[in-house]
Amino acid sequence: MSAFDDNQADALLQGLVESYSPSTQERPAVAYLVEQMAAFGFHAYIDGAGNAVGEIGAGDRVTLLLGHIDTVPGFIEVRREGDLLYGRGAVDAKGPLATFVMAAVRAGTTNGRRIVVVGAVEEEAATSKGARFLLDKLTPEAVIIGEPSGWDCVTTGYKGRLLAQYTLSRKIGHTAGPDASACEAAFAFWRAVTEYAAAYNATRPRVFEQLTPSLRAMHSEDDGFVQTATLAMGFRLPPEIHVADLQAALRTLAGDAELCFSGIEAAYHAAKNTPLARAFVKAIDAEGGRIQFKVKSGTSDMNVVGPAWNCPILAYGPGDATLDHTPHEHIDLQEYHKGIAVLTRVLQDS
């Protein structure tokens, strides 16, 4: 099988997208990817977390290409329209993951280096189960995270995350009475949260530096005597904020309501002056582009592995990140081919 055939690269990606794999339901896609990597000459297997793993080469020097194979829920019919491939995960992040596989095969290995490609599970589930499993299994000298950046861009930083659930129960009173209902108190709390964030952001014009709250779900119920209101919230955290300080502020705003926190990830910003970054500058220039360095307001597995391994790390992958999680998610296959060419050069040069 030729590793240099764009049709084979397209078939790999389309097959991966056709294997629908929302978080915690990745096994069929993992099995497919392991089979395909084995056919390309990888030592391929499923690890203890359920990740798809493929290794090329041998030696102590490890370059890790860490993508994720799970997607958010929401099936999208897989179809081709010219050079556009539609389907859930085409951009986030099976396009970058397929790019990793093809580039690793094309680059080969030298000087005792091992290239390890991982299609990690549960990146979208706020657990990062697959990435966390790797923390004590590998000591890579460089890591590339598989996320859409555009073929001529790399991502050096991601904001952190905090998830919170607000729950308040209050005895039901007459609607003409003076006491606020649980629903009214919950609404007032959310308004106070947005005002708190606005005050924090007032002197911080860059989105990456701002605290960004989002109201993800709301619910109320009563049994005729007690009304209960719940809010599910997410917070995107800038590098400067301390999670414990934010939690304390939210508890103060919540008053007698119960607050439960989960999904905590600190923001992470990688260095740009590294051999890995310079290899991308050179590779993108060779393919006719001019590199752009980005930071993103979401999170990725970079937040998990970056602080633990403390090695050169960037995120890269073809695709338009504004299409992430949308009902019209698709990737331009010509950009996908460009991404493979860039990453092949990076691996050959590093």
Protein backbone atom coordinates (compact mmCIF):
# COMPACT_ATOMS: atom_id res chain seq x y z
CA MET A 1 0.00 0.00 0.00
CA SER A 2 1.42 3.39 -1.00
CA ALA A 3 1.50 5.98 1.75
CA PHE A 4 1.77 8.80 -0.78
CA ASP A 5 -1.60 8.40 -2.52
CA ASP A 6 -4.05 11.20 -1.71
CA ASN A 7 -6.93 8.84 -2.51
CA GLN A 8 -5.77 6.51 0.26
CA ALA A 9 -5.51 9.45 2.63
CA ASP A 10 -9.06 10.47 1.73
CA ALA A 11 -10.33 6.92 2.21
CA LEU A 12 -8.72 6.73 5.66
CA LEU A 13 -10.39 9.96 6.76
CA GLN A 14 -13.78 9.14 5.28
CA GLY A 15 -13.82 5.73 6.93
CA LEU A 16 -12.92 7.32 10.24
CA VAL A 17 -15.69 9.90 9.94
CA GLU A 18 -18.19 7.22 8.91
CA SER A 19 -17.49 5.42 12.20
CA TYR A 20 -19.66 7.58 14.46
CA SER A 21 -17.92 7.87 17.84
CA PRO A 22 -19.42 10.21 20.44
CA SER A 23 -17.56 10.21 23.75
CA THR A 24 -17.67 6.84 25.59
CA GLN A 25 -18.81 5.12 22.35
CA GLU A 26 -15.49 5.17 20.50
CA ARG A 27 -14.74 1.44 20.26
CA PRO A 28 -15.79 0.81 16.62
CA ALA A 29 -13.81 3.84 15.42
CA VAL A 30 -10.83 2.77 17.52
CA ALA A 31 -10.93 -0.73 16.01
CA TYR A 32 -11.13 0.75 12.50
CA LEU A 33 -8.17 3.06 13.07
CA VAL A 34 -6.02 0.32 14.59
CA GLU A 35 -6.74 -1.90 11.58
CA GLN A 36 -5.85 0.88 9.16
CA MET A 37 -2.65 1.80 10.99
CA ALA A 38 -1.55 -1.83 11.00
CA ALA A 39 -2.09 -1.95 7.22
CA PHE A 40 0.18 1.09 6.89
CA GLY A 41 2.96 -0.68 8.79
CA PHE A 42 2.42 0.63 12.32
CA HIS A 43 2.68 -1.53 15.39
CA ALA A 44 -0.96 -0.85 16.22
CA TYR A 45 -3.04 -1.78 19.26
CA ILE A 46 -5.73 -0.68 21.70
CA ASP A 47 -4.30 0.36 25.05
CA GLY A 48 -5.73 0.05 28.55
CA ALA A 49 -7.80 3.22 28.28
CA GLY A 50 -9.31 2.20 24.94
CA ASN A 51 -7.10 4.53 22.88
CA ALA A 52 -6.06 3.64 19.35
CA VAL A 53 -2.25 3.58 19.33
CA GLY A 54 0.14 3.20 16.42
CA GLU A 55 3.94 3.23 16.65
CA ILE A 56 6.53 3.52 13.90
CA GLY A 57 10.22 3.14 14.61
CA ALA A 58 12.05 2.16 17.76
CA GLY A 59 14.17 3.91 20.34
CA ASP A 60 14.01 6.13 23.38
CA ARG A 61 13.28 9.35 21.47
CA VAL A 62 9.50 9.69 21.22
CA THR A 63 7.52 12.20 19.20
CA LEU A 64 3.89 11.91 20.25
CA LEU A 65 1.06 12.85 17.90
CA LEU A 66 -1.88 13.02 20.28
CA GLY A 67 -5.24 13.32 18.58
CA HIS A 68 -8.69 12.38 19.81
CA ILE A 69 -11.10 9.96 18.21
CA ASP A 70 -14.27 10.88 20.08
CA THR A 71 -16.71 13.57 18.97
CA VAL A 72 -19.56 15.52 20.46
CA PRO A 73 -22.98 13.90 19.94
CA GLY A 74 -25.04 14.65 16.86
CA PHE A 75 -24.89 12.41 13.81
CA ILE A 76 -24.24 14.14 10.47
CA GLU A 77 -24.73 12.19 7.25
CA VAL A 78 -21.30 11.54 5.76
CA ARG A 79 -21.10 12.83 2.19
CA ARG A 80 -18.71 14.31 -0.35
CA GLU A 81 -19.51 17.53 -2.17
CA GLY A 82 -16.55 18.13 -4.45
CA ASP A 83 -13.52 18.56 -2.20
CA LEU A 84 -15.65 18.94 0.93
CA LEU A 85 -16.18 16.00 3.27
CA TYR A 86 -19.15 16.38 5.62
CA GLY A 87 -19.63 14.42 8.83
CA ARG A 88 -19.37 14.62 12.59
CA GLY A 89 -15.70 14.79 13.51
CA ALA A 90 -14.45 15.75 10.04
CA VAL A 91 -12.90 18.85 11.61
CA ASP A 92 -12.92 18.08 15.33
CA ALA A 93 -10.81 16.12 15.28
CA LYS A 94 -10.66 13.18 12.90
CA GLY A 95 -9.19 15.36 10.16
CA PRO A 96 -6.14 16.16 12.31
CA LEU A 97 -5.96 12.54 13.51
CA ALA A 98 -5.92 11.15 9.97
CA THR A 99 -3.29 13.78 9.12
CA PHE A 100 -1.13 12.36 11.93
CA VAL A 101 -1.36 8.83 10.57
CA MET A 102 -0.52 9.75 6.99
CA ALA A 103 2.31 12.13 7.92
CA ALA A 104 3.91 9.59 10.26
CA VAL A 105 3.98 6.97 7.50
CA ARG A 106 5.39 9.39 4.94
CA ALA A 107 8.03 10.80 7.28
CA GLY A 108 9.45 7.48 8.42
CA THR A 109 11.86 7.40 11.35
CA THR A 110 15.56 8.10 11.85
CA ASN A 111 18.13 8.32 14.64
CA GLY A 112 16.44 5.97 17.07
CA ARG A 113 13.17 7.89 17.12
CA ARG A 114 9.72 6.44 17.65
CA ILE A 115 6.65 8.23 16.32
CA VAL A 116 3.58 7.39 18.39
CA VAL A 117 0.13 8.28 17.06
CA VAL A 118 -2.75 8.15 19.53
CA GLY A 119 -6.45 8.49 18.88
CA ALA A 120 -7.47 9.30 22.45
CA VAL A 121 -10.89 8.65 23.96
CA GLU A 122 -13.13 10.99 25.95
CA GLU A 123 -11.46 14.28 25.10
CA GLU A 124 -14.90 15.81 24.49
CA ALA A 125 -16.33 14.38 27.72
CA ALA A 126 -14.37 16.70 30.05
CA THR A 127 -12.63 13.64 31.49
CA SER A 128 -9.70 13.35 29.05
CA LYS A 129 -9.55 9.67 29.98
CA GLY A 130 -7.29 8.75 27.06
CA ALA A 131 -4.76 11.52 27.59
CA ARG A 132 -4.57 11.00 31.35
CA PHE A 133 -3.83 7.31 30.83
CA LEU A 134 -0.69 8.24 28.90
CA LEU A 135 0.80 10.53 31.53
CA ASP A 136 2.92 7.87 33.24
CA LYS A 137 3.34 5.68 30.14
CA LEU A 138 5.39 8.02 27.94
CA THR A 139 8.10 10.64 28.26
CA PRO A 140 7.98 12.32 24.84
CA GLU A 141 10.56 14.82 23.65
CA ALA A 142 7.89 16.65 21.63
CA VAL A 143 4.10 16.55 21.42
CA ILE A 144 1.69 17.67 18.72
CA ILE A 145 -1.97 17.83 19.73
CA GLY A 146 -4.48 17.05 16.99
CA GLU A 147 -6.90 19.96 16.81
CA PRO A 148 -8.01 22.09 13.85
CA SER A 149 -5.85 25.16 13.45
CA GLY A 150 -5.82 25.56 9.65
CA TRP A 151 -2.98 24.15 7.56
CA ASP A 152 -0.84 27.27 7.93
CA CYS A 153 -1.44 27.92 11.64
CA VAL A 154 -0.50 26.34 14.95
CA THR A 155 -2.10 26.75 18.35
CA THR A 156 0.10 27.47 21.34
CA GLY A 157 -2.43 27.94 24.12
CA TYR A 158 -5.86 27.03 25.42
CA LYS A 159 -7.96 28.58 28.13
CA GLY A 160 -8.86 26.54 31.18
CA ARG A 161 -12.26 25.24 32.22
CA LEU A 162 -14.48 25.01 35.26
CA LEU A 163 -17.93 23.41 35.26
CA ALA A 164 -20.41 24.28 37.99
CA GLN A 165 -23.92 23.25 38.98
CA TYR A 166 -26.08 25.57 41.07
CA THR A 167 -28.99 24.07 43.03
CA LEU A 168 -31.42 26.01 45.21
CA SER A 169 -34.58 24.77 46.94
CA ARG A 170 -37.09 27.11 48.58
CA LYS A 171 -40.53 26.75 50.09
CA ILE A 172 -43.20 27.93 47.70
CA GLY A 173 -44.92 31.16 48.66
CA HIS A 174 -47.72 33.13 47.09
CA THR A 175 -46.65 34.84 43.87
CA ALA A 176 -47.89 38.14 45.29
CA GLY A 177 -45.68 37.74 48.37
CA PRO A 178 -42.36 39.51 49.02
CA ASP A 179 -40.02 36.51 48.89
CA ALA A 180 -38.11 35.60 45.75
CA SER A 181 -38.78 32.16 44.35
CA ALA A 182 -35.99 29.68 43.73
CA CYS A 183 -36.21 30.51 40.03
CA GLU A 184 -35.94 34.23 40.68
CA ALA A 185 -32.97 33.70 43.01
CA ALA A 186 -31.26 31.53 40.39
CA PHE A 187 -31.80 34.21 37.76
CA ALA A 188 -30.36 36.86 40.11
CA PHE A 189 -27.34 34.62 40.76
CA TRP A 190 -26.66 34.22 37.05
CA ARG A 191 -26.93 37.97 36.53
CA ALA A 192 -24.43 38.49 39.37
CA VAL A 193 -22.08 35.98 37.75
CA THR A 194 -22.14 37.83 34.42
CA GLU A 195 -21.56 41.14 36.21
CA TYR A 196 -18.61 39.62 38.09
CA ALA A 197 -17.09 38.43 34.81
CA ALA A 198 -17.68 41.79 33.15
CA ALA A 199 -15.86 43.54 35.97
CA TYR A 200 -12.95 41.11 35.73
CA ASN A 201 -12.74 41.58 31.96
CA ALA A 202 -13.01 45.38 31.99
CA THR A 203 -9.24 45.89 31.79
CA ARG A 204 -8.54 42.79 29.68
CA PRO A 205 -9.32 43.39 26.01
CA ARG A 206 -7.99 40.05 24.66
CA VAL A 207 -10.44 37.15 24.73
CA PHE A 208 -7.68 34.78 25.85
CA GLU A 209 -7.26 36.92 28.99
CA GLN A 210 -10.96 37.07 29.83
CA LEU A 211 -13.20 35.03 32.12
CA THR A 212 -16.05 33.71 29.98
CA PRO A 213 -19.13 32.23 31.67
CA SER A 214 -21.79 30.27 29.78
CA LEU A 215 -25.19 29.06 30.92
CA ARG A 216 -25.46 25.52 29.56
CA ALA A 217 -28.76 24.31 31.01
CA MET A 218 -31.50 25.37 33.40
CA HIS A 219 -34.32 23.47 35.08
CA SER A 220 -36.94 23.96 37.76
CA GLU A 221 -39.48 21.72 39.42
CA ASP A 222 -41.73 21.69 42.47
CA ASP A 223 -43.84 19.25 44.46
CA GLY A 224 -46.42 21.81 45.53
CA PHE A 225 -44.47 22.77 48.62
CA VAL A 226 -40.81 23.24 47.58
CA GLN A 227 -39.46 24.64 44.34
CA THR A 228 -35.98 23.65 43.15
CA ALA A 229 -34.01 25.53 40.50
CA THR A 230 -30.81 24.24 38.91
CA LEU A 231 -28.31 25.89 36.58
CA ALA A 232 -25.48 24.15 34.73
CA MET A 233 -22.65 26.54 33.95
CA GLY A 234 -19.29 26.50 32.26
CA PHE A 235 -16.42 28.94 32.72
CA ARG A 236 -13.52 29.42 30.30
CA LEU A 237 -10.54 30.46 32.38
CA PRO A 238 -7.66 32.78 31.41
CA PRO A 239 -4.11 31.91 32.49
CA GLU A 240 -4.05 34.55 35.25
CA ILE A 241 -7.08 33.36 37.17
CA HIS A 242 -6.81 31.02 40.14
CA VAL A 243 -9.55 28.39 40.19
CA ALA A 244 -9.82 28.42 43.99
CA ASP A 245 -10.37 32.20 43.99
CA LEU A 246 -13.11 31.89 41.37
CA GLN A 247 -14.80 29.08 43.28
CA ALA A 248 -14.78 31.18 46.45
CA ALA A 249 -16.29 34.16 44.60
CA LEU A 250 -19.03 32.00 43.11
CA ARG A 251 -19.89 30.51 46.50
CA THR A 252 -20.26 34.01 47.89
CA LEU A 253 -22.57 35.00 45.04
CA ALA A 254 -24.59 31.80 45.45
CA GLY A 255 -25.55 32.51 49.05
CA ASP A 256 -27.43 29.54 50.52
CA ALA A 257 -27.54 27.61 47.23
CA GLU A 258 -25.46 24.50 46.69
CA LEU A 259 -22.60 24.69 44.20
CA CYS A 260 -20.85 21.61 42.82
CA PHE A 261 -17.71 21.91 40.69
CA SER A 262 -16.18 19.54 38.13
CA GLY A 263 -14.16 19.47 34.91
CA ILE A 264 -11.35 21.62 36.28
CA GLU A 265 -8.50 22.35 33.88
CA ALA A 266 -6.02 25.19 34.23
CA ALA A 267 -5.18 27.27 31.16
CA TYR A 268 -1.97 26.39 29.35
CA HIS A 269 0.23 28.49 27.07
CA ALA A 270 3.20 26.81 25.39
CA ALA A 271 6.46 28.46 24.38
CA LYS A 272 6.89 29.49 20.75
CA ASN A 273 10.69 29.56 20.74
CA THR A 274 11.24 25.80 20.50
CA PRO A 275 12.69 23.44 17.86
CA LEU A 276 9.16 22.14 17.25
CA ALA A 277 7.75 25.59 16.56
CA ARG A 278 10.67 26.43 14.29
CA ALA A 279 10.10 23.21 12.35
CA PHE A 280 6.52 24.30 11.70
CA VAL A 281 7.64 27.76 10.57
CA LYS A 282 10.01 26.16 8.08
CA ALA A 283 7.49 23.54 6.87
CA ILE A 284 4.62 25.97 6.34
CA ASP A 285 6.95 28.33 4.48
CA ALA A 286 8.07 25.45 2.24
CA GLU A 287 4.43 24.73 1.39
CA GLY A 288 3.83 28.34 0.39
CA GLY A 289 2.30 29.71 3.58
CA ARG A 290 3.22 32.10 6.35
CA ILE A 291 2.70 30.70 9.81
CA GLN A 292 0.25 32.19 12.28
CA PHE A 293 0.37 31.40 15.99
CA LYS A 294 -3.03 31.18 17.68
CA VAL A 295 -4.47 30.81 21.14
CA LYS A 296 -7.96 29.42 21.65
CA SER A 297 -10.77 30.06 24.06
CA GLY A 298 -11.61 26.36 24.46
CA THR A 299 -9.65 23.55 26.06
CA SER A 300 -7.87 20.49 24.66
CA ASP A 301 -5.69 17.63 25.83
CA MET A 302 -2.82 20.14 25.78
CA ASN A 303 -4.20 21.38 29.12
CA VAL A 304 -3.73 17.87 30.53
CA VAL A 305 -0.37 16.76 29.16
CA GLY A 306 1.43 20.09 28.72
CA PRO A 307 2.09 20.77 32.42
CA ALA A 308 2.89 17.11 33.10
CA TRP A 309 5.50 16.56 30.39
CA ASN A 310 6.93 20.07 30.12
CA CYS A 311 8.32 19.49 26.62
CA PRO A 312 7.86 21.38 23.34
CA ILE A 313 4.17 21.16 22.47
CA LEU A 314 1.82 22.68 19.91
CA ALA A 315 -1.59 21.87 18.47
CA TYR A 316 -1.95 21.42 14.73
CA GLY A 317 -4.41 20.12 12.19
CA PRO A 318 -6.27 21.07 9.04
CA GLY A 319 -9.82 22.36 9.29
CA ASP A 320 -11.83 25.44 10.19
CA ALA A 321 -12.35 25.44 13.96
CA THR A 322 -15.47 27.60 13.64
CA LEU A 323 -17.17 24.47 12.27
CA ASP A 324 -16.44 22.47 15.46
CA HIS A 325 -19.60 20.95 16.97
CA THR A 326 -21.85 22.53 14.32
CA PRO A 327 -24.52 20.70 12.26
CA HIS A 328 -22.68 21.53 9.02
CA GLU A 329 -19.20 20.32 10.09
CA HIS A 330 -16.99 19.59 7.09
CA ILE A 331 -13.37 19.68 5.95
CA ASP A 332 -11.79 20.72 2.68
CA LEU A 333 -9.79 17.72 1.46
CA GLN A 334 -7.28 19.95 -0.33
CA GLU A 335 -6.49 21.60 2.99
CA TYR A 336 -6.23 18.14 4.55
CA HIS A 337 -3.61 17.21 1.94
CA LYS A 338 -1.72 20.44 2.72
CA GLY A 339 -1.76 19.58 6.40
CA ILE A 340 -0.27 16.15 5.68
CA ALA A 341 2.49 17.74 3.61
CA VAL A 342 3.33 20.26 6.35
CA LEU A 343 3.39 17.71 9.14
CA THR A 344 5.48 15.30 7.08
CA ARG A 345 8.11 18.02 6.71
CA VAL A 346 7.96 18.78 10.44
CA LEU A 347 8.54 15.14 11.35
CA GLN A 348 11.38 14.80 8.88
CA ASP A 349 13.02 17.98 10.21
CA SER A 350 12.67 17.29 13.94
